Amino acid sequence: MGRWQPLPASMEKFRSEIMAGFPNHSLWIQTMNRCTPHTLVTVAVLAASALLASCAHDTTGAGYAVRQFPAAALRGEMVVLAPPVITLDGKADRLSPGARIRDANNMLVMSGVLVKQKVVVNYMRENAGNVHEVWILNSAEARLKRPNTKAPWFSFGSNADAAVPATAKAP
């Protein structure tokens, strides 16, 4: 009795009469019902539309929009020497911990990717004086005029110190 044996003819007829009103497939036995032809056609249409949309996108650079930058952002030429050490307009500077560098597509870029590359940027400083936000400019943004800083960030003296004549002696 341990072996499987086919049903007798009378039982097979009974089984076929009972199952006549039910569909030929069972969700409990045939569980791979996700890949129906309707689903495959839908996926194919979505893939084709995504491909057409990506082909229609202008990749020449002429279609770049000009981003809006904070009013306090300054313009400069940045070269990353060895992160976090950079130069801004030829002067040594540092990136702050957690500095964010965004490329022309507004995507985050790690500073190590930019080593020894001269890029035109808009930047902002944090309270400690380190460069914290950097935006690498595309050609349309670089053409716009923006203030840059030629004066040092920290001033340890005042203009009154420069007005003291060199012949004056301290008491």
C-alpha atoms as a PDB file:
ATOM      1  CA  MET A   1       0.000   0.000   0.000  1.00  0.00           C
ATOM      2  CA  GLY A   2       2.996   2.302   0.307  1.00  0.00           C
ATOM      3  CA  ARG A   3       3.240   2.711  -3.465  1.00  0.00           C
ATOM      4  CA  TRP A   4       1.165   5.231  -5.381  1.00  0.00           C
ATOM      5  CA  GLN A   5      -1.486   3.654  -7.497  1.00  0.00           C
ATOM      6  CA  PRO A   6      -3.749   5.330 -10.043  1.00  0.00           C
ATOM      7  CA  LEU A   7      -7.382   5.880  -9.117  1.00  0.00           C
ATOM      8  CA  PRO A   8      -9.850   3.291 -10.296  1.00  0.00           C
ATOM      9  CA  ALA A   9     -11.971   4.337 -13.306  1.00  0.00           C
ATOM     10  CA  SER A  10     -15.083   4.937 -11.176  1.00  0.00           C
ATOM     11  CA  MET A  11     -13.199   7.275  -8.824  1.00  0.00           C
ATOM     12  CA  GLU A  12     -11.583   9.150 -11.741  1.00  0.00           C
ATOM     13  CA  LYS A  13     -15.040   9.782 -13.253  1.00  0.00           C
ATOM     14  CA  PHE A  14     -16.301  11.047  -9.863  1.00  0.00           C
ATOM     15  CA  ARG A  15     -13.279  13.364  -9.528  1.00  0.00           C
ATOM     16  CA  SER A  16     -13.741  14.823 -13.026  1.00  0.00           C
ATOM     17  CA  GLU A  17     -17.461  15.534 -12.367  1.00  0.00           C
ATOM     18  CA  ILE A  18     -16.696  17.374  -9.115  1.00  0.00           C
ATOM     19  CA  MET A  19     -13.842  19.430 -10.599  1.00  0.00           C
ATOM     20  CA  ALA A  20     -15.806  20.390 -13.734  1.00  0.00           C
ATOM     21  CA  GLY A  21     -17.080  23.648 -12.167  1.00  0.00           C
ATOM     22  CA  PHE A  22     -13.645  24.824 -10.984  1.00  0.00           C
ATOM     23  CA  PRO A  23     -10.909  26.520 -13.003  1.00  0.00           C
ATOM     24  CA  ASN A  24      -8.058  24.375 -14.301  1.00  0.00           C
ATOM     25  CA  HIS A  25      -5.453  26.100 -12.134  1.00  0.00           C
ATOM     26  CA  SER A  26      -5.165  26.482  -8.400  1.00  0.00           C
ATOM     27  CA  LEU A  27      -3.459  29.423  -6.694  1.00  0.00           C
ATOM     28  CA  TRP A  28      -2.449  27.042  -3.913  1.00  0.00           C
ATOM     29  CA  ILE A  29      -0.737  24.521  -6.169  1.00  0.00           C
ATOM     30  CA  GLN A  30       0.510  26.753  -9.012  1.00  0.00           C
ATOM     31  CA  THR A  31       1.884  29.710  -7.080  1.00  0.00           C
ATOM     32  CA  MET A  32       3.776  31.352  -9.981  1.00  0.00           C
ATOM     33  CA  ASN A  33       0.771  33.284 -11.230  1.00  0.00           C
ATOM     34  CA  ARG A  34       2.602  36.641 -11.238  1.00  0.00           C
ATOM     35  CA  CYS A  35       3.986  36.300 -14.760  1.00  0.00           C
ATOM     36  CA  THR A  36       0.787  36.403 -16.724  1.00  0.00           C
ATOM     37  CA  PRO A  37       0.933  37.655 -20.328  1.00  0.00           C
ATOM     38  CA  HIS A  38      -0.934  40.815 -19.267  1.00  0.00           C
ATOM     39  CA  THR A  39       1.759  41.611 -16.687  1.00  0.00           C
ATOM     40  CA  LEU A  40       4.557  40.992 -19.181  1.00  0.00           C
ATOM     41  CA  VAL A  41       2.977  43.349 -21.733  1.00  0.00           C
ATOM     42  CA  THR A  42       2.626  46.059 -19.049  1.00  0.00           C
ATOM     43  CA  VAL A  43       6.269  45.720 -18.043  1.00  0.00           C
ATOM     44  CA  ALA A  44       7.384  45.855 -21.684  1.00  0.00           C
ATOM     45  CA  VAL A  45       5.373  49.048 -22.313  1.00  0.00           C
ATOM     46  CA  LEU A  46       6.815  50.706 -19.195  1.00  0.00           C
ATOM     47  CA  ALA A  47      10.370  49.760 -20.177  1.00  0.00           C
ATOM     48  CA  ALA A  48       9.867  51.113 -23.699  1.00  0.00           C
ATOM     49  CA  SER A  49       8.464  54.412 -22.417  1.00  0.00           C
ATOM     50  CA  ALA A  50      11.387  54.807 -19.994  1.00  0.00           C
ATOM     51  CA  LEU A  51      13.819  54.162 -22.831  1.00  0.00           C
ATOM     52  CA  LEU A  52      12.136  56.756 -25.040  1.00  0.00           C
ATOM     53  CA  ALA A  53      12.117  59.316 -22.224  1.00  0.00           C
ATOM     54  CA  SER A  54      15.834  58.820 -21.585  1.00  0.00           C
ATOM     55  CA  CYS A  55      16.642  59.129 -25.299  1.00  0.00           C
ATOM     56  CA  ALA A  56      14.634  62.349 -25.578  1.00  0.00           C
ATOM     57  CA  HIS A  57      16.609  63.985 -22.717  1.00  0.00           C
ATOM     58  CA  ASP A  58      19.032  66.660 -23.927  1.00  0.00           C
ATOM     59  CA  THR A  59      22.576  65.693 -22.935  1.00  0.00           C
ATOM     60  CA  THR A  60      24.408  68.458 -24.811  1.00  0.00           C
ATOM     61  CA  GLY A  61      24.564  70.726 -21.773  1.00  0.00           C
ATOM     62  CA  ALA A  62      22.586  73.493 -23.449  1.00  0.00           C
ATOM     63  CA  GLY A  63      19.462  72.599 -21.516  1.00  0.00           C
ATOM     64  CA  TYR A  64      20.913  73.047 -18.048  1.00  0.00           C
ATOM     65  CA  ALA A  65      18.844  75.248 -15.805  1.00  0.00           C
ATOM     66  CA  VAL A  66      20.501  77.906 -13.715  1.00  0.00           C
ATOM     67  CA  ARG A  67      20.250  76.965 -10.045  1.00  0.00           C
ATOM     68  CA  GLN A  68      19.298  79.481  -7.370  1.00  0.00           C
ATOM     69  CA  PHE A  69      22.150  80.005  -4.913  1.00  0.00           C
ATOM     70  CA  PRO A  70      22.005  81.670  -1.483  1.00  0.00           C
ATOM     71  CA  ALA A  71      22.703  85.397  -1.500  1.00  0.00           C
ATOM     72  CA  ALA A  72      25.747  84.899   0.736  1.00  0.00           C
ATOM     73  CA  ALA A  73      27.406  82.429  -1.667  1.00  0.00           C
ATOM     74  CA  LEU A  74      30.733  83.570  -3.090  1.00  0.00           C
ATOM     75  CA  ARG A  75      32.439  82.693  -6.398  1.00  0.00           C
ATOM     76  CA  GLY A  76      35.901  81.205  -6.706  1.00  0.00           C
ATOM     77  CA  GLU A  77      38.182  78.672  -8.363  1.00  0.00           C
ATOM     78  CA  MET A  78      38.694  75.615  -6.193  1.00  0.00           C
ATOM     79  CA  VAL A  79      41.376  72.948  -6.382  1.00  0.00           C
ATOM     80  CA  VAL A  80      41.259  69.997  -3.966  1.00  0.00           C
ATOM     81  CA  LEU A  81      44.835  69.165  -2.980  1.00  0.00           C
ATOM     82  CA  ALA A  82      44.421  66.402  -0.386  1.00  0.00           C
ATOM     83  CA  PRO A  83      40.976  66.375   1.238  1.00  0.00           C
ATOM     84  CA  PRO A  84      40.118  68.401   3.325  1.00  0.00           C
ATOM     85  CA  VAL A  85      42.906  70.750   2.154  1.00  0.00           C
ATOM     86  CA  ILE A  86      41.868  72.911  -0.812  1.00  0.00           C
ATOM     87  CA  THR A  87      42.867  76.135  -2.485  1.00  0.00           C
ATOM     88  CA  LEU A  88      40.336  78.846  -3.265  1.00  0.00           C
ATOM     89  CA  ASP A  89      41.549  81.444  -5.755  1.00  0.00           C
ATOM     90  CA  GLY A  90      45.120  80.250  -5.149  1.00  0.00           C
ATOM     91  CA  LYS A  91      44.974  80.599  -1.343  1.00  0.00           C
ATOM     92  CA  ALA A  92      45.121  77.629   1.034  1.00  0.00           C
ATOM     93  CA  ASP A  93      41.833  76.749   2.726  1.00  0.00           C
ATOM     94  CA  ARG A  94      39.999  73.789   4.276  1.00  0.00           C
ATOM     95  CA  LEU A  95      36.713  71.985   3.836  1.00  0.00           C
ATOM     96  CA  SER A  96      34.657  71.650   6.991  1.00  0.00           C
ATOM     97  CA  PRO A  97      33.828  68.229   8.404  1.00  0.00           C
ATOM     98  CA  GLY A  98      30.693  67.163   6.571  1.00  0.00           C
ATOM     99  CA  ALA A  99      31.219  69.595   3.705  1.00  0.00           C
ATOM    100  CA  ARG A 100      28.820  69.098   0.795  1.00  0.00           C
ATOM    101  CA  ILE A 101      30.088  69.406  -2.755  1.00  0.00           C
ATOM    102  CA  ARG A 102      27.470  69.352  -5.527  1.00  0.00           C
ATOM    103  CA  ASP A 103      28.320  68.942  -9.206  1.00  0.00           C
ATOM    104  CA  ALA A 104      26.679  70.642 -12.205  1.00  0.00           C
ATOM    105  CA  ASN A 105      23.769  68.168 -11.994  1.00  0.00           C
ATOM    106  CA  ASN A 106      23.272  68.974  -8.293  1.00  0.00           C
ATOM    107  CA  MET A 107      24.484  65.498  -7.280  1.00  0.00           C
ATOM    108  CA  LEU A 108      26.760  65.038  -4.273  1.00  0.00           C
ATOM    109  CA  VAL A 109      30.428  64.518  -5.132  1.00  0.00           C
ATOM    110  CA  MET A 110      33.145  63.257  -2.815  1.00  0.00           C
ATOM    111  CA  SER A 111      36.120  65.586  -2.494  1.00  0.00           C
ATOM    112  CA  GLY A 112      38.568  62.808  -3.417  1.00  0.00           C
ATOM    113  CA  VAL A 113      37.152  62.701  -6.949  1.00  0.00           C
ATOM    114  CA  LEU A 114      38.165  66.323  -7.518  1.00  0.00           C
ATOM    115  CA  VAL A 115      41.842  66.033  -6.503  1.00  0.00           C
ATOM    116  CA  LYS A 116      44.024  68.355  -8.619  1.00  0.00           C
ATOM    117  CA  GLN A 117      41.098  69.562 -10.769  1.00  0.00           C
ATOM    118  CA  LYS A 118      40.477  73.304 -11.106  1.00  0.00           C
ATOM    119  CA  VAL A 119      36.734  73.987 -11.014  1.00  0.00           C
ATOM    120  CA  VAL A 120      34.698  77.182 -10.878  1.00  0.00           C
ATOM    121  CA  VAL A 121      32.433  77.065  -7.833  1.00  0.00           C
ATOM    122  CA  ASN A 122      30.044  78.991  -5.647  1.00  0.00           C
ATOM    123  CA  TYR A 123      30.732  78.337  -1.988  1.00  0.00           C
ATOM    124  CA  MET A 124      29.640  79.222   1.517  1.00  0.00           C
ATOM    125  CA  ARG A 125      31.566  79.134   4.762  1.00  0.00           C
ATOM    126  CA  GLU A 126      30.523  77.875   8.172  1.00  0.00           C
ATOM    127  CA  ASN A 127      30.903  79.864  11.405  1.00  0.00           C
ATOM    128  CA  ALA A 128      34.422  78.544  12.034  1.00  0.00           C
ATOM    129  CA  GLY A 129      35.541  79.852   8.624  1.00  0.00           C
ATOM    130  CA  ASN A 130      35.891  76.525   6.784  1.00  0.00           C
ATOM    131  CA  VAL A 131      34.224  75.992   3.416  1.00  0.00           C
ATOM    132  CA  HIS A 132      30.997  74.055   4.054  1.00  0.00           C
ATOM    133  CA  GLU A 133      28.793  74.232   0.903  1.00  0.00           C
ATOM    134  CA  VAL A 134      30.259  74.004  -2.600  1.00  0.00           C
ATOM    135  CA  TRP A 135      28.406  74.057  -5.929  1.00  0.00           C
ATOM    136  CA  ILE A 136      30.383  73.220  -9.057  1.00  0.00           C
ATOM    137  CA  LEU A 137      29.046  75.475 -11.806  1.00  0.00           C
ATOM    138  CA  ASN A 138      27.959  74.552 -15.312  1.00  0.00           C
ATOM    139  CA  SER A 139      28.760  76.903 -18.203  1.00  0.00           C
ATOM    140  CA  ALA A 140      25.486  78.880 -17.917  1.00  0.00           C
ATOM    141  CA  GLU A 141      25.973  79.479 -14.189  1.00  0.00           C
ATOM    142  CA  ALA A 142      29.643  80.393 -14.607  1.00  0.00           C
ATOM    143  CA  ARG A 143      28.717  83.200 -17.040  1.00  0.00           C
ATOM    144  CA  LEU A 144      26.584  84.926 -14.385  1.00  0.00           C
ATOM    145  CA  LYS A 145      28.409  87.552 -12.343  1.00  0.00           C
ATOM    146  CA  ARG A 146      28.735  86.913  -8.615  1.00  0.00           C
ATOM    147  CA  PRO A 147      30.901  88.540  -5.942  1.00  0.00           C
ATOM    148  CA  ASN A 148      34.075  86.791  -4.906  1.00  0.00           C
ATOM    149  CA  THR A 149      36.299  87.425  -1.964  1.00  0.00           C
ATOM    150  CA  LYS A 150      39.758  88.866  -2.415  1.00  0.00           C
ATOM    151  CA  ALA A 151      40.069  89.929   1.235  1.00  0.00           C
ATOM    152  CA  PRO A 152      41.170  87.424   3.886  1.00  0.00           C
ATOM    153  CA  TRP A 153      38.370  85.778   5.846  1.00  0.00           C
ATOM    154  CA  PHE A 154      39.789  86.659   9.291  1.00  0.00           C
ATOM    155  CA  SER A 155      40.990  90.131  10.196  1.00  0.00           C
ATOM    156  CA  PHE A 156      43.005  90.259  13.409  1.00  0.00           C
ATOM    157  CA  GLY A 157      43.561  93.964  13.269  1.00  0.00           C
ATOM    158  CA  SER A 158      41.583  97.044  12.413  1.00  0.00           C
ATOM    159  CA  ASN A 159      42.028  99.926  10.034  1.00  0.00           C
ATOM    160  CA  ALA A 160      43.088 102.086  12.965  1.00  0.00           C
ATOM    161  CA  ASP A 161      46.283  99.974  13.328  1.00  0.00           C
ATOM    162  CA  ALA A 162      47.328 100.930   9.802  1.00  0.00           C
ATOM    163  CA  ALA A 163      46.886 104.644  10.562  1.00  0.00           C
ATOM    164  CA  VAL A 164      49.511 104.665  13.369  1.00  0.00           C
ATOM    165  CA  PRO A 165      52.725 106.214  12.045  1.00  0.00           C
ATOM    166  CA  ALA A 166      55.832 104.029  12.119  1.00  0.00           C
ATOM    167  CA  THR A 167      57.791 106.679  14.130  1.00  0.00           C
ATOM    168  CA  ALA A 168      55.425 106.559  17.099  1.00  0.00           C
ATOM    169  CA  LYS A 169      56.831 104.698  20.078  1.00  0.00           C
ATOM    170  CA  ALA A 170      54.863 102.749  22.608  1.00  0.00           C
ATOM    171  CA  PRO A 171      55.262 103.998  26.210  1.00  0.00           C
END
